[in-house]
Amino acid sequence: MMMELISMAANAAAEAPAVAPVIGGSLTAGLAGLGAALGVGLIGAKAAEAVGRNPGAFGNILTMSIIGMALAEGLGIIAFFAVK
């Protein structure tokens, strides 16, 4: 029983370097997506708040928020493809 556990531990240690880049890349891509989602959410929340305070500036606020959301999503996509 003890020899089987030692053998399993040795096999896991041998395979660990091959698995580490996959886990690291996936984690980085996930964090990039999370950052993009948070950025878009914050921009949308602040745009809604700004329109509530000044409804007359709706067009300008919409334009600025769409540009900001596109930039946030673009950075997330670039980070995703840079990892892969």
PDB file of N, CA and C in Angstrom:
ATOM      1  N   MET A   1       0.832  -1.201   0.000  1.00  0.00           N
ATOM      2  CA  MET A   1       0.000   0.000   0.000  1.00  0.00           C
ATOM      3  C   MET A   1       0.870   1.256   0.000  1.00  0.00           C
ATOM      4  N   MET A   2       1.903   1.245   0.850  1.00  0.00           N
ATOM      5  CA  MET A   2       2.771   2.413   0.958  1.00  0.00           C
ATOM      6  C   MET A   2       3.550   2.637  -0.337  1.00  0.00           C
ATOM      7  N   MET A   3       3.971   1.562  -0.983  1.00  0.00           N
ATOM      8  CA  MET A   3       4.717   1.688  -2.238  1.00  0.00           C
ATOM      9  C   MET A   3       3.829   2.242  -3.356  1.00  0.00           C
ATOM     10  N   GLU A   4       2.557   1.869  -3.345  1.00  0.00           N
ATOM     11  CA  GLU A   4       1.633   2.399  -4.342  1.00  0.00           C
ATOM     12  C   GLU A   4       1.449   3.902  -4.166  1.00  0.00           C
ATOM     13  N   LEU A   5       1.336   4.368  -2.935  1.00  0.00           N
ATOM     14  CA  LEU A   5       1.199   5.810  -2.676  1.00  0.00           C
ATOM     15  C   LEU A   5       2.445   6.561  -3.108  1.00  0.00           C
ATOM     16  N   ILE A   6       3.615   5.993  -2.833  1.00  0.00           N
ATOM     17  CA  ILE A   6       4.863   6.638  -3.238  1.00  0.00           C
ATOM     18  C   ILE A   6       4.947   6.692  -4.756  1.00  0.00           C
ATOM     19  N   SER A   7       4.534   5.630  -5.420  1.00  0.00           N
ATOM     20  CA  SER A   7       4.546   5.592  -6.882  1.00  0.00           C
ATOM     21  C   SER A   7       3.578   6.632  -7.460  1.00  0.00           C
ATOM     22  N   MET A   8       2.402   6.772  -6.880  1.00  0.00           N
ATOM     23  CA  MET A   8       1.428   7.762  -7.339  1.00  0.00           C
ATOM     24  C   MET A   8       1.956   9.179  -7.134  1.00  0.00           C
ATOM     25  N   ALA A   9       2.615   9.417  -6.027  1.00  0.00           N
ATOM     26  CA  ALA A   9       3.181  10.743  -5.760  1.00  0.00           C
ATOM     27  C   ALA A   9       4.291  11.065  -6.751  1.00  0.00           C
ATOM     28  N   ALA A  10       5.102  10.078  -7.083  1.00  0.00           N
ATOM     29  CA  ALA A  10       6.180  10.297  -8.049  1.00  0.00           C
ATOM     30  C   ALA A  10       5.608  10.599  -9.426  1.00  0.00           C
ATOM     31  N   ASN A  11       4.572   9.883  -9.826  1.00  0.00           N
ATOM     32  CA  ASN A  11       3.933  10.143 -11.125  1.00  0.00           C
ATOM     33  C   ASN A  11       3.304  11.526 -11.173  1.00  0.00           C
ATOM     34  N   ALA A  12       2.657  11.935 -10.100  1.00  0.00           N
ATOM     35  CA  ALA A  12       2.041  13.266 -10.050  1.00  0.00           C
ATOM     36  C   ALA A  12       3.102  14.348 -10.120  1.00  0.00           C
ATOM     37  N   ALA A  13       4.231  14.146  -9.438  1.00  0.00           N
ATOM     38  CA  ALA A  13       5.316  15.126  -9.468  1.00  0.00           C
ATOM     39  C   ALA A  13       5.927  15.218 -10.856  1.00  0.00           C
ATOM     40  N   ALA A  14       5.982  14.099 -11.584  1.00  0.00           N
ATOM     41  CA  ALA A  14       6.544  14.109 -12.932  1.00  0.00           C
ATOM     42  C   ALA A  14       5.630  14.831 -13.913  1.00  0.00           C
ATOM     43  N   GLU A  15       4.322  14.758 -13.712  1.00  0.00           N
ATOM     44  CA  GLU A  15       3.369  15.383 -14.625  1.00  0.00           C
ATOM     45  C   GLU A  15       3.064  16.842 -14.271  1.00  0.00           C
ATOM     46  N   ALA A  16       3.447  17.296 -13.108  1.00  0.00           N
ATOM     47  CA  ALA A  16       3.119  18.655 -12.662  1.00  0.00           C
ATOM     48  C   ALA A  16       3.669  19.741 -13.577  1.00  0.00           C
ATOM     49  N   PRO A  17       4.929  19.661 -14.049  1.00  0.00           N
ATOM     50  CA  PRO A  17       5.411  20.735 -14.934  1.00  0.00           C
ATOM     51  C   PRO A  17       4.632  20.843 -16.229  1.00  0.00           C
ATOM     52  N   ALA A  18       4.060  19.744 -16.718  1.00  0.00           N
ATOM     53  CA  ALA A  18       3.291  19.798 -17.956  1.00  0.00           C
ATOM     54  C   ALA A  18       1.926  20.441 -17.756  1.00  0.00           C
ATOM     55  N   VAL A  19       1.394  20.361 -16.565  1.00  0.00           N
ATOM     56  CA  VAL A  19       0.062  20.887 -16.282  1.00  0.00           C
ATOM     57  C   VAL A  19       0.113  22.349 -15.858  1.00  0.00           C
ATOM     58  N   ALA A  20       1.205  22.789 -15.282  1.00  0.00           N
ATOM     59  CA  ALA A  20       1.301  24.142 -14.727  1.00  0.00           C
ATOM     60  C   ALA A  20       1.045  25.243 -15.751  1.00  0.00           C
ATOM     61  N   PRO A  21       1.609  25.199 -16.978  1.00  0.00           N
ATOM     62  CA  PRO A  21       1.316  26.288 -17.933  1.00  0.00           C
ATOM     63  C   PRO A  21      -0.151  26.357 -18.320  1.00  0.00           C
ATOM     64  N   VAL A  22      -0.819  25.214 -18.386  1.00  0.00           N
ATOM     65  CA  VAL A  22      -2.242  25.204 -18.750  1.00  0.00           C
ATOM     66  C   VAL A  22      -3.059  25.872 -17.663  1.00  0.00           C
ATOM     67  N   ILE A  23      -2.775  25.537 -16.418  1.00  0.00           N
ATOM     68  CA  ILE A  23      -3.505  26.137 -15.301  1.00  0.00           C
ATOM     69  C   ILE A  23      -3.196  27.625 -15.208  1.00  0.00           C
ATOM     70  N   GLY A  24      -1.929  28.000 -15.353  1.00  0.00           N
ATOM     71  CA  GLY A  24      -1.549  29.412 -15.273  1.00  0.00           C
ATOM     72  C   GLY A  24      -2.175  30.241 -16.369  1.00  0.00           C
ATOM     73  N   GLY A  25      -2.204  29.709 -17.600  1.00  0.00           N
ATOM     74  CA  GLY A  25      -2.806  30.435 -18.713  1.00  0.00           C
ATOM     75  C   GLY A  25      -4.308  30.585 -18.555  1.00  0.00           C
ATOM     76  N   SER A  26      -4.947  29.536 -18.072  1.00  0.00           N
ATOM     77  CA  SER A  26      -6.397  29.597 -17.872  1.00  0.00           C
ATOM     78  C   SER A  26      -6.752  30.576 -16.766  1.00  0.00           C
ATOM     79  N   LEU A  27      -5.956  30.586 -15.725  1.00  0.00           N
ATOM     80  CA  LEU A  27      -6.195  31.521 -14.621  1.00  0.00           C
ATOM     81  C   LEU A  27      -6.027  32.957 -15.100  1.00  0.00           C
ATOM     82  N   THR A  28      -5.005  33.202 -15.884  1.00  0.00           N
ATOM     83  CA  THR A  28      -4.776  34.553 -16.402  1.00  0.00           C
ATOM     84  C   THR A  28      -5.898  34.994 -17.335  1.00  0.00           C
ATOM     85  N   ALA A  29      -6.350  34.091 -18.190  1.00  0.00           N
ATOM     86  CA  ALA A  29      -7.453  34.420 -19.102  1.00  0.00           C
ATOM     87  C   ALA A  29      -8.734  34.694 -18.317  1.00  0.00           C
ATOM     88  N   GLY A  30      -8.965  33.918 -17.269  1.00  0.00           N
ATOM     89  CA  GLY A  30     -10.141  34.143 -16.430  1.00  0.00           C
ATOM     90  C   GLY A  30     -10.099  35.486 -15.732  1.00  0.00           C
ATOM     91  N   LEU A  31      -8.929  35.862 -15.232  1.00  0.00           N
ATOM     92  CA  LEU A  31      -8.795  37.170 -14.582  1.00  0.00           C
ATOM     93  C   LEU A  31      -8.955  38.308 -15.586  1.00  0.00           C
ATOM     94  N   ALA A  32      -8.483  38.106 -16.811  1.00  0.00           N
ATOM     95  CA  ALA A  32      -8.680  39.134 -17.844  1.00  0.00           C
ATOM     96  C   ALA A  32     -10.164  39.317 -18.146  1.00  0.00           C
ATOM     97  N   GLY A  33     -10.885  38.210 -18.246  1.00  0.00           N
ATOM     98  CA  GLY A  33     -12.326  38.302 -18.469  1.00  0.00           C
ATOM     99  C   GLY A  33     -13.055  38.942 -17.312  1.00  0.00           C
ATOM    100  N   LEU A  34     -12.621  38.623 -16.099  1.00  0.00           N
ATOM    101  CA  LEU A  34     -13.228  39.227 -14.914  1.00  0.00           C
ATOM    102  C   LEU A  34     -12.992  40.733 -14.896  1.00  0.00           C
ATOM    103  N   GLY A  35     -11.779  41.144 -15.224  1.00  0.00           N
ATOM    104  CA  GLY A  35     -11.476  42.578 -15.254  1.00  0.00           C
ATOM    105  C   GLY A  35     -12.298  43.317 -16.293  1.00  0.00           C
ATOM    106  N   ALA A  36     -12.447  42.715 -17.468  1.00  0.00           N
ATOM    107  CA  ALA A  36     -13.256  43.344 -18.519  1.00  0.00           C
ATOM    108  C   ALA A  36     -14.716  43.449 -18.091  1.00  0.00           C
ATOM    109  N   ALA A  37     -15.230  42.394 -17.465  1.00  0.00           N
ATOM    110  CA  ALA A  37     -16.624  42.416 -17.015  1.00  0.00           C
ATOM    111  C   ALA A  37     -16.839  43.467 -15.937  1.00  0.00           C
ATOM    112  N   LEU A  38     -15.912  43.577 -15.014  1.00  0.00           N
ATOM    113  CA  LEU A  38     -16.027  44.612 -13.975  1.00  0.00           C
ATOM    114  C   LEU A  38     -15.956  46.007 -14.578  1.00  0.00           C
ATOM    115  N   GLY A  39     -15.074  46.194 -15.552  1.00  0.00           N
ATOM    116  CA  GLY A  39     -14.958  47.499 -16.196  1.00  0.00           C
ATOM    117  C   GLY A  39     -16.238  47.910 -16.907  1.00  0.00           C
ATOM    118  N   VAL A  40     -16.812  46.991 -17.648  1.00  0.00           N
ATOM    119  CA  VAL A  40     -18.057  47.280 -18.365  1.00  0.00           C
ATOM    120  C   VAL A  40     -19.192  47.550 -17.379  1.00  0.00           C
ATOM    121  N   GLY A  41     -19.252  46.770 -16.310  1.00  0.00           N
ATOM    122  CA  GLY A  41     -20.298  46.977 -15.302  1.00  0.00           C
ATOM    123  C   GLY A  41     -20.189  48.325 -14.623  1.00  0.00           C
ATOM    124  N   LEU A  42     -18.977  48.722 -14.285  1.00  0.00           N
ATOM    125  CA  LEU A  42     -18.785  50.033 -13.640  1.00  0.00           C
ATOM    126  C   LEU A  42     -19.120  51.171 -14.597  1.00  0.00           C
ATOM    127  N   ILE A  43     -18.727  51.029 -15.847  1.00  0.00           N
ATOM    128  CA  ILE A  43     -19.040  52.079 -16.825  1.00  0.00           C
ATOM    129  C   ILE A  43     -20.552  52.205 -16.999  1.00  0.00           C
ATOM    130  N   GLY A  44     -21.238  51.077 -17.099  1.00  0.00           N
ATOM    131  CA  GLY A  44     -22.698  51.114 -17.249  1.00  0.00           C
ATOM    132  C   GLY A  44     -23.386  51.722 -16.041  1.00  0.00           C
ATOM    133  N   ALA A  45     -22.906  51.371 -14.851  1.00  0.00           N
ATOM    134  CA  ALA A  45     -23.510  51.926 -13.628  1.00  0.00           C
ATOM    135  C   ALA A  45     -23.306  53.432 -13.540  1.00  0.00           C
ATOM    136  N   LYS A  46     -22.103  53.872 -13.846  1.00  0.00           N
ATOM    137  CA  LYS A  46     -21.822  55.307 -13.767  1.00  0.00           C
ATOM    138  C   LYS A  46     -22.541  56.084 -14.866  1.00  0.00           C
ATOM    139  N   ALA A  47     -22.718  55.466 -16.033  1.00  0.00           N
ATOM    140  CA  ALA A  47     -23.465  56.135 -17.105  1.00  0.00           C
ATOM    141  C   ALA A  47     -24.925  56.298 -16.714  1.00  0.00           C
ATOM    142  N   ALA A  48     -25.510  55.267 -16.120  1.00  0.00           N
ATOM    143  CA  ALA A  48     -26.901  55.368 -15.677  1.00  0.00           C
ATOM    144  C   ALA A  48     -27.044  56.434 -14.592  1.00  0.00           C
ATOM    145  N   GLU A  49     -26.082  56.492 -13.703  1.00  0.00           N
ATOM    146  CA  GLU A  49     -26.098  57.505 -12.645  1.00  0.00           C
ATOM    147  C   GLU A  49     -25.977  58.912 -13.230  1.00  0.00           C
ATOM    148  N   ALA A  50     -25.101  59.055 -14.229  1.00  0.00           N
ATOM    149  CA  ALA A  50     -24.910  60.375 -14.840  1.00  0.00           C
ATOM    150  C   ALA A  50     -26.162  60.827 -15.595  1.00  0.00           C
ATOM    151  N   VAL A  51     -26.817  59.899 -16.278  1.00  0.00           N
ATOM    152  CA  VAL A  51     -28.052  60.263 -16.997  1.00  0.00           C
ATOM    153  C   VAL A  51     -29.150  60.617 -16.001  1.00  0.00           C
ATOM    154  N   GLY A  52     -29.186  59.960 -14.873  1.00  0.00           N
ATOM    155  CA  GLY A  52     -30.167  60.296 -13.842  1.00  0.00           C
ATOM    156  C   GLY A  52     -29.960  61.687 -13.290  1.00  0.00           C
ATOM    157  N   ARG A  53     -28.719  62.108 -13.201  1.00  0.00           N
ATOM    158  CA  ARG A  53     -28.435  63.458 -12.683  1.00  0.00           C
ATOM    159  C   ARG A  53     -28.658  64.540 -13.726  1.00  0.00           C
ATOM    160  N   ASN A  54     -28.350  64.208 -15.006  1.00  0.00           N
ATOM    161  CA  ASN A  54     -28.477  65.206 -16.066  1.00  0.00           C
ATOM    162  C   ASN A  54     -29.048  64.541 -17.323  1.00  0.00           C
ATOM    163  N   PRO A  55     -30.367  64.428 -17.406  1.00  0.00           N
ATOM    164  CA  PRO A  55     -30.974  63.741 -18.559  1.00  0.00           C
ATOM    165  C   PRO A  55     -30.702  64.423 -19.897  1.00  0.00           C
ATOM    166  N   GLY A  56     -30.402  65.693 -19.884  1.00  0.00           N
ATOM    167  CA  GLY A  56     -30.145  66.415 -21.127  1.00  0.00           C
ATOM    168  C   GLY A  56     -28.846  66.001 -21.799  1.00  0.00           C
ATOM    169  N   ALA A  57     -27.942  65.417 -21.065  1.00  0.00           N
ATOM    170  CA  ALA A  57     -26.651  65.011 -21.617  1.00  0.00           C
ATOM    171  C   ALA A  57     -26.642  63.540 -22.015  1.00  0.00           C
ATOM    172  N   PHE A  58     -27.817  62.994 -22.258  1.00  0.00           N
ATOM    173  CA  PHE A  58     -27.920  61.562 -22.552  1.00  0.00           C
ATOM    174  C   PHE A  58     -27.062  61.140 -23.740  1.00  0.00           C
ATOM    175  N   GLY A  59     -27.115  61.888 -24.820  1.00  0.00           N
ATOM    176  CA  GLY A  59     -26.372  61.527 -26.036  1.00  0.00           C
ATOM    177  C   GLY A  59     -24.876  61.490 -25.812  1.00  0.00           C
ATOM    178  N   ASN A  60     -24.358  62.526 -25.149  1.00  0.00           N
ATOM    179  CA  ASN A  60     -22.914  62.579 -24.874  1.00  0.00           C
ATOM    180  C   ASN A  60     -22.488  61.458 -23.931  1.00  0.00           C
ATOM    181  N   ILE A  61     -23.294  61.196 -22.925  1.00  0.00           N
ATOM    182  CA  ILE A  61     -22.962  60.147 -21.957  1.00  0.00           C
ATOM    183  C   ILE A  61     -23.003  58.778 -22.628  1.00  0.00           C
ATOM    184  N   LEU A  62     -23.999  58.562 -23.492  1.00  0.00           N
ATOM    185  CA  LEU A  62     -24.100  57.284 -24.203  1.00  0.00           C
ATOM    186  C   LEU A  62     -22.882  57.051 -25.085  1.00  0.00           C
ATOM    187  N   THR A  63     -22.472  58.079 -25.802  1.00  0.00           N
ATOM    188  CA  THR A  63     -21.306  57.963 -26.676  1.00  0.00           C
ATOM    189  C   THR A  63     -20.047  57.632 -25.889  1.00  0.00           C
ATOM    190  N   MET A  64     -19.832  58.359 -24.807  1.00  0.00           N
ATOM    191  CA  MET A  64     -18.633  58.128 -23.987  1.00  0.00           C
ATOM    192  C   MET A  64     -18.661  56.746 -23.341  1.00  0.00           C
ATOM    193  N   SER A  65     -19.824  56.296 -22.903  1.00  0.00           N
ATOM    194  CA  SER A  65     -19.897  54.991 -22.251  1.00  0.00           C
ATOM    195  C   SER A  65     -19.696  53.850 -23.246  1.00  0.00           C
ATOM    196  N   ILE A  66     -20.189  53.996 -24.463  1.00  0.00           N
ATOM    197  CA  ILE A  66     -19.976  52.962 -25.474  1.00  0.00           C
ATOM    198  C   ILE A  66     -18.499  52.869 -25.830  1.00  0.00           C
ATOM    199  N   ILE A  67     -17.834  53.995 -25.956  1.00  0.00           N
ATOM    200  CA  ILE A  67     -16.396  53.985 -26.236  1.00  0.00           C
ATOM    201  C   ILE A  67     -15.630  53.340 -25.080  1.00  0.00           C
ATOM    202  N   GLY A  68     -15.982  53.700 -23.858  1.00  0.00           N
ATOM    203  CA  GLY A  68     -15.314  53.110 -22.692  1.00  0.00           C
ATOM    204  C   GLY A  68     -15.539  51.612 -22.586  1.00  0.00           C
ATOM    205  N   MET A  69     -16.772  51.167 -22.854  1.00  0.00           N
ATOM    206  CA  MET A  69     -17.053  49.726 -22.810  1.00  0.00           C
ATOM    207  C   MET A  69     -16.289  48.982 -23.900  1.00  0.00           C
ATOM    208  N   ALA A  70     -16.192  49.570 -25.088  1.00  0.00           N
ATOM    209  CA  ALA A  70     -15.449  48.930 -26.171  1.00  0.00           C
ATOM    210  C   ALA A  70     -13.971  48.798 -25.809  1.00  0.00           C
ATOM    211  N   LEU A  71     -13.410  49.813 -25.188  1.00  0.00           N
ATOM    212  CA  LEU A  71     -12.005  49.747 -24.779  1.00  0.00           C
ATOM    213  C   LEU A  71     -11.794  48.691 -23.695  1.00  0.00           C
ATOM    214  N   ALA A  72     -12.697  48.611 -22.739  1.00  0.00           N
ATOM    215  CA  ALA A  72     -12.571  47.614 -21.676  1.00  0.00           C
ATOM    216  C   ALA A  72     -12.682  46.204 -22.244  1.00  0.00           C
ATOM    217  N   GLU A  73     -13.641  45.976 -23.126  1.00  0.00           N
ATOM    218  CA  GLU A  73     -13.794  44.658 -23.746  1.00  0.00           C
ATOM    219  C   GLU A  73     -12.602  44.334 -24.638  1.00  0.00           C
ATOM    220  N   GLY A  74     -12.107  45.331 -25.348  1.00  0.00           N
ATOM    221  CA  GLY A  74     -10.949  45.112 -26.219  1.00  0.00           C
ATOM    222  C   GLY A  74      -9.724  44.672 -25.440  1.00  0.00           C
ATOM    223  N   LEU A  75      -9.487  45.296 -24.300  1.00  0.00           N
ATOM    224  CA  LEU A  75      -8.350  44.892 -23.467  1.00  0.00           C
ATOM    225  C   LEU A  75      -8.524  43.470 -22.954  1.00  0.00           C
ATOM    226  N   GLY A  76      -9.745  43.105 -22.609  1.00  0.00           N
ATOM    227  CA  GLY A  76     -10.004  41.738 -22.148  1.00  0.00           C
ATOM    228  C   GLY A  76      -9.753  40.720 -23.247  1.00  0.00           C
ATOM    229  N   ILE A  77     -10.175  41.042 -24.453  1.00  0.00           N
ATOM    230  CA  ILE A  77      -9.967  40.127 -25.586  1.00  0.00           C
ATOM    231  C   ILE A  77      -8.496  40.022 -25.937  1.00  0.00           C
ATOM    232  N   ILE A  78      -7.782  41.140 -25.938  1.00  0.00           N
ATOM    233  CA  ILE A  78      -6.345  41.110 -26.209  1.00  0.00           C
ATOM    234  C   ILE A  78      -5.616  40.282 -25.161  1.00  0.00           C
ATOM    235  N   ALA A  79      -5.974  40.460 -23.910  1.00  0.00           N
ATOM    236  CA  ALA A  79      -5.330  39.683 -22.855  1.00  0.00           C
ATOM    237  C   ALA A  79      -5.639  38.190 -23.003  1.00  0.00           C
ATOM    238  N   PHE A  80      -6.863  37.868 -23.407  1.00  0.00           N
ATOM    239  CA  PHE A  80      -7.222  36.471 -23.606  1.00  0.00           C
ATOM    240  C   PHE A  80      -6.382  35.824 -24.693  1.00  0.00           C
ATOM    241  N   PHE A  81      -6.214  36.519 -25.822  1.00  0.00           N
ATOM    242  CA  PHE A  81      -5.447  35.946 -26.921  1.00  0.00           C
ATOM    243  C   PHE A  81      -3.943  35.992 -26.642  1.00  0.00           C
ATOM    244  N   ALA A  82      -3.471  36.933 -25.848  1.00  0.00           N
ATOM    245  CA  ALA A  82      -2.055  36.966 -25.496  1.00  0.00           C
ATOM    246  C   ALA A  82      -1.689  35.786 -24.605  1.00  0.00           C
ATOM    247  N   VAL A  83      -2.626  35.325 -23.799  1.00  0.00           N
ATOM    248  CA  VAL A  83      -2.370  34.188 -22.928  1.00  0.00           C
ATOM    249  C   VAL A  83      -2.332  32.900 -23.723  1.00  0.00           C
ATOM    250  N   LYS A  84      -3.240  32.740 -24.653  1.00  0.00           N
ATOM    251  CA  LYS A  84      -3.332  31.506 -25.438  1.00  0.00           C
ATOM    252  C   LYS A  84      -2.274  31.555 -26.499  1.00  0.00           C
TER     253      LYS A  84
END
